[in-house]
Amino acid sequence: MTLFLEMRLPTVTYLYDDPEHPDRVSGTVTSPAFTREDRALLLGLEMYESSLCQCGWPIQVAWHSEMDGYFESDPVVCHACTAARGSQVAYPGRVRNTRPDGTPMPPFVPGMTITAPDSPTRGS
């Protein structure tokens, strides 16, 4: 990552270990693509991404039974898909959390505060 962000440049060390031709390069040693810090950052990113639902919201919020009915989305039209398919194509827009501020939820407990797929929804 530090190479990608141009925070450091790759280093190449040339080896001259051919006794018959000491003036010719016989090999190279290149610095590693990822430093220890890069690997730590990538592991942190992997941990963060594993804590998200497919929709992009944190699992502890998106799956919490207290959040049932508090997410809204306005559909949006994709003009490229509409042109390709010949009829209007709409997708869910950005999802908003409409839960009032200051109303705390109980702690998220997997298996306890998760709404099952077959349970009735809020307001039904």
N, C-alpha and C. Protein backbone atom coordinates (compact mmCIF):
# COMPACT_ATOMS: atom_id res chain seq x y z
N MET A 1 0.82 -1.18 0.00
CA MET A 1 0.00 0.00 0.00
C MET A 1 0.86 1.25 0.00
N THR A 2 1.94 1.19 0.72
CA THR A 2 2.79 2.38 0.74
C THR A 2 3.41 2.60 -0.64
N LEU A 3 3.58 1.53 -1.42
CA LEU A 3 4.04 1.72 -2.80
C LEU A 3 2.95 2.39 -3.62
N PHE A 4 1.69 1.94 -3.42
CA PHE A 4 0.56 2.51 -4.14
C PHE A 4 0.39 3.98 -3.80
N LEU A 5 0.52 4.33 -2.54
CA LEU A 5 0.35 5.71 -2.11
C LEU A 5 1.60 6.55 -2.36
N GLU A 6 2.61 5.94 -2.94
CA GLU A 6 3.88 6.59 -3.25
C GLU A 6 4.55 7.18 -2.02
N MET A 7 4.36 6.48 -0.88
CA MET A 7 5.03 6.89 0.34
C MET A 7 6.46 6.34 0.39
N ARG A 8 6.71 5.35 -0.42
CA ARG A 8 8.06 4.82 -0.53
C ARG A 8 8.26 4.28 -1.93
N LEU A 9 9.48 4.21 -2.35
CA LEU A 9 9.81 3.70 -3.67
C LEU A 9 10.35 2.29 -3.55
N PRO A 10 10.07 1.44 -4.55
CA PRO A 10 10.65 0.10 -4.50
C PRO A 10 12.16 0.17 -4.67
N THR A 11 12.85 -0.71 -3.99
CA THR A 11 14.31 -0.75 -4.14
C THR A 11 14.70 -2.05 -4.82
N VAL A 12 15.69 -1.95 -5.68
CA VAL A 12 16.21 -3.11 -6.38
C VAL A 12 17.71 -3.16 -6.14
N THR A 13 18.17 -4.31 -5.65
CA THR A 13 19.60 -4.51 -5.44
C THR A 13 20.09 -5.47 -6.51
N TYR A 14 21.12 -5.05 -7.22
CA TYR A 14 21.66 -5.88 -8.29
C TYR A 14 22.77 -6.75 -7.74
N LEU A 15 22.74 -8.00 -8.15
CA LEU A 15 23.76 -8.97 -7.71
C LEU A 15 24.79 -9.18 -8.82
N TYR A 16 26.05 -9.17 -8.42
CA TYR A 16 27.15 -9.41 -9.35
C TYR A 16 27.96 -10.58 -8.81
N ASP A 17 27.37 -11.77 -8.83
CA ASP A 17 28.07 -12.90 -8.22
C ASP A 17 28.48 -13.97 -9.22
N ASP A 18 28.62 -13.60 -10.50
CA ASP A 18 29.14 -14.53 -11.50
C ASP A 18 30.64 -14.32 -11.59
N PRO A 19 31.44 -15.31 -11.14
CA PRO A 19 32.90 -15.11 -11.15
C PRO A 19 33.50 -14.95 -12.53
N GLU A 20 32.86 -15.51 -13.55
CA GLU A 20 33.41 -15.38 -14.91
C GLU A 20 33.11 -14.01 -15.52
N HIS A 21 32.02 -13.40 -15.09
CA HIS A 21 31.65 -12.07 -15.61
C HIS A 21 31.25 -11.18 -14.44
N PRO A 22 32.22 -10.68 -13.69
CA PRO A 22 31.90 -9.86 -12.51
C PRO A 22 31.26 -8.52 -12.85
N ASP A 23 31.31 -8.11 -14.12
CA ASP A 23 30.73 -6.82 -14.51
C ASP A 23 29.27 -6.96 -14.97
N ARG A 24 28.73 -8.18 -15.03
CA ARG A 24 27.36 -8.41 -15.48
C ARG A 24 26.46 -8.70 -14.28
N VAL A 25 25.23 -8.23 -14.39
CA VAL A 25 24.25 -8.50 -13.34
C VAL A 25 23.80 -9.95 -13.46
N SER A 26 23.88 -10.67 -12.36
CA SER A 26 23.47 -12.07 -12.39
C SER A 26 22.12 -12.29 -11.72
N GLY A 27 21.59 -11.27 -11.08
CA GLY A 27 20.28 -11.38 -10.42
C GLY A 27 19.92 -10.09 -9.73
N THR A 28 18.71 -10.07 -9.20
CA THR A 28 18.24 -8.89 -8.47
C THR A 28 17.48 -9.32 -7.22
N VAL A 29 17.49 -8.44 -6.25
CA VAL A 29 16.67 -8.61 -5.05
C VAL A 29 15.82 -7.35 -4.94
N THR A 30 14.49 -7.54 -4.95
CA THR A 30 13.56 -6.41 -4.90
C THR A 30 12.94 -6.31 -3.52
N SER A 31 12.70 -5.09 -3.07
CA SER A 31 12.05 -4.90 -1.76
C SER A 31 10.64 -5.48 -1.81
N PRO A 32 10.12 -5.94 -0.67
CA PRO A 32 8.79 -6.53 -0.67
C PRO A 32 7.72 -5.50 -1.05
N ALA A 33 6.66 -5.99 -1.67
CA ALA A 33 5.58 -5.09 -2.09
C ALA A 33 4.83 -4.53 -0.88
N PHE A 34 4.73 -5.33 0.19
CA PHE A 34 3.99 -4.90 1.37
C PHE A 34 4.90 -4.92 2.59
N THR A 35 4.87 -3.85 3.34
CA THR A 35 5.62 -3.78 4.59
C THR A 35 4.77 -4.38 5.71
N ARG A 36 5.33 -4.49 6.89
CA ARG A 36 4.56 -4.99 8.04
C ARG A 36 3.38 -4.08 8.33
N GLU A 37 3.59 -2.78 8.19
CA GLU A 37 2.51 -1.83 8.41
C GLU A 37 1.41 -1.99 7.36
N ASP A 38 1.81 -2.24 6.10
CA ASP A 38 0.83 -2.47 5.05
C ASP A 38 -0.03 -3.68 5.37
N ARG A 39 0.60 -4.76 5.80
CA ARG A 39 -0.14 -5.98 6.14
C ARG A 39 -1.09 -5.72 7.32
N ALA A 40 -0.64 -4.95 8.30
CA ALA A 40 -1.51 -4.64 9.45
C ALA A 40 -2.71 -3.82 8.99
N LEU A 41 -2.50 -2.85 8.10
CA LEU A 41 -3.61 -2.06 7.58
C LEU A 41 -4.58 -2.92 6.78
N LEU A 42 -4.06 -3.84 5.97
CA LEU A 42 -4.92 -4.71 5.19
C LEU A 42 -5.73 -5.66 6.08
N LEU A 43 -5.11 -6.15 7.15
CA LEU A 43 -5.85 -6.99 8.10
C LEU A 43 -6.94 -6.20 8.80
N GLY A 44 -6.64 -4.95 9.15
CA GLY A 44 -7.64 -4.09 9.77
C GLY A 44 -8.81 -3.83 8.82
N LEU A 45 -8.51 -3.59 7.54
CA LEU A 45 -9.56 -3.39 6.55
C LEU A 45 -10.41 -4.65 6.40
N GLU A 46 -9.76 -5.81 6.39
CA GLU A 46 -10.49 -7.07 6.28
C GLU A 46 -11.43 -7.26 7.48
N MET A 47 -10.95 -6.94 8.67
CA MET A 47 -11.79 -7.06 9.87
C MET A 47 -12.98 -6.09 9.79
N TYR A 48 -12.72 -4.87 9.36
CA TYR A 48 -13.79 -3.88 9.24
C TYR A 48 -14.84 -4.34 8.23
N GLU A 49 -14.40 -4.79 7.05
CA GLU A 49 -15.33 -5.21 6.02
C GLU A 49 -16.13 -6.44 6.45
N SER A 50 -15.54 -7.30 7.27
CA SER A 50 -16.28 -8.48 7.73
C SER A 50 -17.34 -8.10 8.77
N SER A 51 -17.28 -6.89 9.33
CA SER A 51 -18.28 -6.45 10.30
C SER A 51 -19.47 -5.77 9.63
N LEU A 52 -19.45 -5.68 8.30
CA LEU A 52 -20.52 -5.02 7.57
C LEU A 52 -21.46 -6.04 6.91
N CYS A 53 -22.72 -5.67 6.81
CA CYS A 53 -23.69 -6.46 6.06
C CYS A 53 -23.44 -6.18 4.57
N GLN A 54 -24.05 -6.95 3.70
CA GLN A 54 -23.90 -6.73 2.27
C GLN A 54 -24.40 -5.35 1.84
N CYS A 55 -25.32 -4.79 2.61
CA CYS A 55 -25.87 -3.47 2.29
C CYS A 55 -24.91 -2.34 2.67
N GLY A 56 -23.86 -2.65 3.42
CA GLY A 56 -22.89 -1.64 3.81
C GLY A 56 -23.06 -1.12 5.23
N TRP A 57 -24.15 -1.45 5.87
CA TRP A 57 -24.37 -1.02 7.26
C TRP A 57 -23.70 -2.00 8.20
N PRO A 58 -23.25 -1.54 9.37
CA PRO A 58 -22.67 -2.46 10.35
C PRO A 58 -23.69 -3.53 10.76
N ILE A 59 -23.26 -4.77 10.86
CA ILE A 59 -24.15 -5.88 11.20
C ILE A 59 -24.88 -5.60 12.52
N GLN A 60 -24.19 -5.03 13.49
CA GLN A 60 -24.80 -4.80 14.80
C GLN A 60 -25.96 -3.81 14.73
N VAL A 61 -26.02 -3.01 13.68
CA VAL A 61 -27.13 -2.08 13.50
C VAL A 61 -28.14 -2.67 12.52
N ALA A 62 -27.67 -3.13 11.37
CA ALA A 62 -28.57 -3.59 10.31
C ALA A 62 -29.38 -4.82 10.70
N TRP A 63 -28.83 -5.68 11.50
CA TRP A 63 -29.51 -6.92 11.87
C TRP A 63 -30.24 -6.83 13.21
N HIS A 64 -30.11 -5.73 13.91
CA HIS A 64 -30.70 -5.60 15.25
C HIS A 64 -32.22 -5.54 15.14
N SER A 65 -32.91 -6.33 15.95
CA SER A 65 -34.38 -6.38 15.89
C SER A 65 -35.02 -5.03 16.23
N GLU A 66 -34.35 -4.20 17.00
CA GLU A 66 -34.88 -2.87 17.33
C GLU A 66 -34.87 -1.91 16.13
N MET A 67 -34.17 -2.27 15.07
CA MET A 67 -34.08 -1.39 13.90
C MET A 67 -35.15 -1.69 12.86
N ASP A 68 -36.00 -2.68 13.11
CA ASP A 68 -37.05 -3.04 12.17
C ASP A 68 -37.96 -1.84 11.93
N GLY A 69 -38.06 -1.44 10.68
CA GLY A 69 -38.91 -0.31 10.31
C GLY A 69 -38.21 1.04 10.31
N TYR A 70 -36.94 1.10 10.70
CA TYR A 70 -36.23 2.38 10.77
C TYR A 70 -35.28 2.63 9.60
N PHE A 71 -35.33 1.81 8.57
CA PHE A 71 -34.50 2.06 7.39
C PHE A 71 -35.42 2.43 6.24
N GLU A 72 -35.05 3.46 5.49
CA GLU A 72 -35.81 3.90 4.33
C GLU A 72 -34.88 4.05 3.14
N SER A 73 -35.46 3.90 1.96
CA SER A 73 -34.69 4.07 0.74
C SER A 73 -35.60 4.62 -0.34
N ASP A 74 -35.12 5.62 -1.07
CA ASP A 74 -35.86 6.15 -2.20
C ASP A 74 -35.29 5.53 -3.47
N PRO A 75 -36.14 4.94 -4.31
CA PRO A 75 -35.61 4.31 -5.52
C PRO A 75 -35.03 5.35 -6.48
N VAL A 76 -34.04 4.94 -7.22
CA VAL A 76 -33.42 5.79 -8.23
C VAL A 76 -33.46 5.07 -9.57
N VAL A 77 -33.53 5.84 -10.64
CA VAL A 77 -33.57 5.29 -11.99
C VAL A 77 -32.17 5.28 -12.57
N CYS A 78 -31.77 4.13 -13.10
CA CYS A 78 -30.49 4.05 -13.81
C CYS A 78 -30.79 4.25 -15.29
N HIS A 79 -30.31 5.35 -15.85
CA HIS A 79 -30.61 5.68 -17.24
C HIS A 79 -29.84 4.78 -18.21
N ALA A 80 -28.67 4.29 -17.81
CA ALA A 80 -27.92 3.38 -18.67
C ALA A 80 -28.63 2.04 -18.78
N CYS A 81 -29.07 1.48 -17.65
CA CYS A 81 -29.81 0.21 -17.67
C CYS A 81 -31.14 0.38 -18.40
N THR A 82 -31.78 1.54 -18.21
CA THR A 82 -33.04 1.81 -18.88
C THR A 82 -32.85 1.80 -20.39
N ALA A 83 -31.80 2.43 -20.88
CA ALA A 83 -31.54 2.47 -22.32
C ALA A 83 -31.21 1.07 -22.85
N ALA A 84 -30.44 0.30 -22.10
CA ALA A 84 -30.05 -1.03 -22.55
C ALA A 84 -31.23 -1.99 -22.58
N ARG A 85 -32.14 -1.87 -21.63
CA ARG A 85 -33.27 -2.82 -21.54
C ARG A 85 -34.53 -2.33 -22.23
N GLY A 86 -34.57 -1.06 -22.58
CA GLY A 86 -35.74 -0.53 -23.29
C GLY A 86 -36.91 -0.16 -22.39
N SER A 87 -36.78 -0.34 -21.09
CA SER A 87 -37.83 0.08 -20.17
C SER A 87 -37.15 0.59 -18.91
N GLN A 88 -37.89 1.39 -18.15
CA GLN A 88 -37.29 2.02 -16.98
C GLN A 88 -36.84 0.99 -15.95
N VAL A 89 -35.61 1.16 -15.48
CA VAL A 89 -35.04 0.27 -14.47
C VAL A 89 -34.73 1.11 -13.24
N ALA A 90 -35.33 0.72 -12.10
CA ALA A 90 -35.12 1.44 -10.85
C ALA A 90 -34.43 0.52 -9.85
N TYR A 91 -33.56 1.09 -9.06
CA TYR A 91 -32.84 0.36 -8.03
C TYR A 91 -33.06 1.06 -6.69
N PRO A 92 -32.92 0.33 -5.59
CA PRO A 92 -33.01 1.01 -4.29
C PRO A 92 -31.92 2.07 -4.20
N GLY A 93 -32.27 3.20 -3.67
CA GLY A 93 -31.28 4.27 -3.50
C GLY A 93 -30.48 4.07 -2.23
N ARG A 94 -29.85 5.11 -1.79
CA ARG A 94 -29.06 5.05 -0.56
C ARG A 94 -29.98 4.84 0.63
N VAL A 95 -29.63 3.90 1.49
CA VAL A 95 -30.46 3.56 2.64
C VAL A 95 -30.16 4.53 3.77
N ARG A 96 -31.23 5.06 4.38
CA ARG A 96 -31.11 6.00 5.49
C ARG A 96 -31.63 5.36 6.76
N ASN A 97 -31.00 5.68 7.87
CA ASN A 97 -31.46 5.27 9.18
C ASN A 97 -32.37 6.37 9.70
N THR A 98 -33.64 6.04 9.98
CA THR A 98 -34.59 7.05 10.44
C THR A 98 -34.90 6.91 11.92
N ARG A 99 -34.13 6.10 12.63
CA ARG A 99 -34.36 5.93 14.07
C ARG A 99 -34.09 7.27 14.77
N PRO A 100 -35.00 7.72 15.64
CA PRO A 100 -34.80 9.00 16.32
C PRO A 100 -33.52 8.98 17.18
N ASP A 101 -32.82 10.07 17.16
CA ASP A 101 -31.63 10.19 18.01
C ASP A 101 -32.04 10.15 19.47
N GLY A 102 -31.18 9.60 20.30
CA GLY A 102 -31.44 9.59 21.72
C GLY A 102 -32.27 8.41 22.19
N THR A 103 -32.64 7.52 21.28
CA THR A 103 -33.37 6.32 21.69
C THR A 103 -32.41 5.14 21.63
N PRO A 104 -31.79 4.80 22.74
CA PRO A 104 -30.78 3.75 22.73
C PRO A 104 -31.39 2.37 22.46
N MET A 105 -30.59 1.54 21.84
CA MET A 105 -30.99 0.16 21.59
C MET A 105 -30.33 -0.72 22.65
N PRO A 106 -30.95 -1.85 22.97
CA PRO A 106 -30.27 -2.78 23.85
C PRO A 106 -29.04 -3.34 23.14
N PRO A 107 -28.07 -3.89 23.86
CA PRO A 107 -26.88 -4.44 23.22
C PRO A 107 -27.24 -5.50 22.17
N PHE A 108 -26.45 -5.55 21.13
CA PHE A 108 -26.66 -6.54 20.07
C PHE A 108 -26.13 -7.88 20.54
N VAL A 109 -27.00 -8.88 20.55
CA VAL A 109 -26.62 -10.22 20.95
C VAL A 109 -27.02 -11.17 19.83
N PRO A 110 -26.04 -11.71 19.07
CA PRO A 110 -26.39 -12.64 17.99
C PRO A 110 -27.25 -13.78 18.52
N GLY A 111 -28.32 -14.06 17.81
CA GLY A 111 -29.24 -15.11 18.21
C GLY A 111 -30.36 -14.63 19.12
N MET A 112 -30.19 -13.46 19.72
CA MET A 112 -31.21 -12.94 20.63
C MET A 112 -31.87 -11.69 20.06
N THR A 113 -31.09 -10.74 19.56
CA THR A 113 -31.64 -9.48 19.07
C THR A 113 -31.63 -9.41 17.55
N ILE A 114 -31.74 -10.56 16.90
CA ILE A 114 -31.79 -10.61 15.45
C ILE A 114 -33.21 -10.99 15.05
N THR A 115 -33.76 -10.29 14.07
CA THR A 115 -35.09 -10.61 13.57
C THR A 115 -34.99 -11.79 12.62
N ALA A 116 -35.77 -12.82 12.87
CA ALA A 116 -35.77 -14.00 12.00
C ALA A 116 -36.50 -13.67 10.70
N PRO A 117 -36.11 -14.29 9.58
CA PRO A 117 -36.73 -13.97 8.29
C PRO A 117 -38.23 -14.20 8.24
N ASP A 118 -38.78 -15.13 9.02
CA ASP A 118 -40.20 -15.43 8.95
C ASP A 118 -41.03 -14.69 10.00
N SER A 119 -40.38 -13.81 10.79
CA SER A 119 -41.13 -13.10 11.82
C SER A 119 -41.89 -11.93 11.21
N PRO A 120 -43.03 -11.55 11.83
CA PRO A 120 -43.80 -10.42 11.27
C PRO A 120 -43.00 -9.13 11.40
N THR A 121 -43.21 -8.23 10.47
CA THR A 121 -42.50 -6.95 10.49
C THR A 121 -43.24 -5.96 11.35
N ARG A 122 -42.54 -4.91 11.74
CA ARG A 122 -43.12 -3.86 12.57
C ARG A 122 -44.26 -3.19 11.79
N GLY A 123 -45.32 -2.96 12.45
CA GLY A 123 -46.44 -2.28 11.82
C GLY A 123 -47.40 -3.23 11.12
N SER A 124 -47.12 -4.54 11.08
CA SER A 124 -48.03 -5.50 10.46
C SER A 124 -49.01 -6.01 11.47
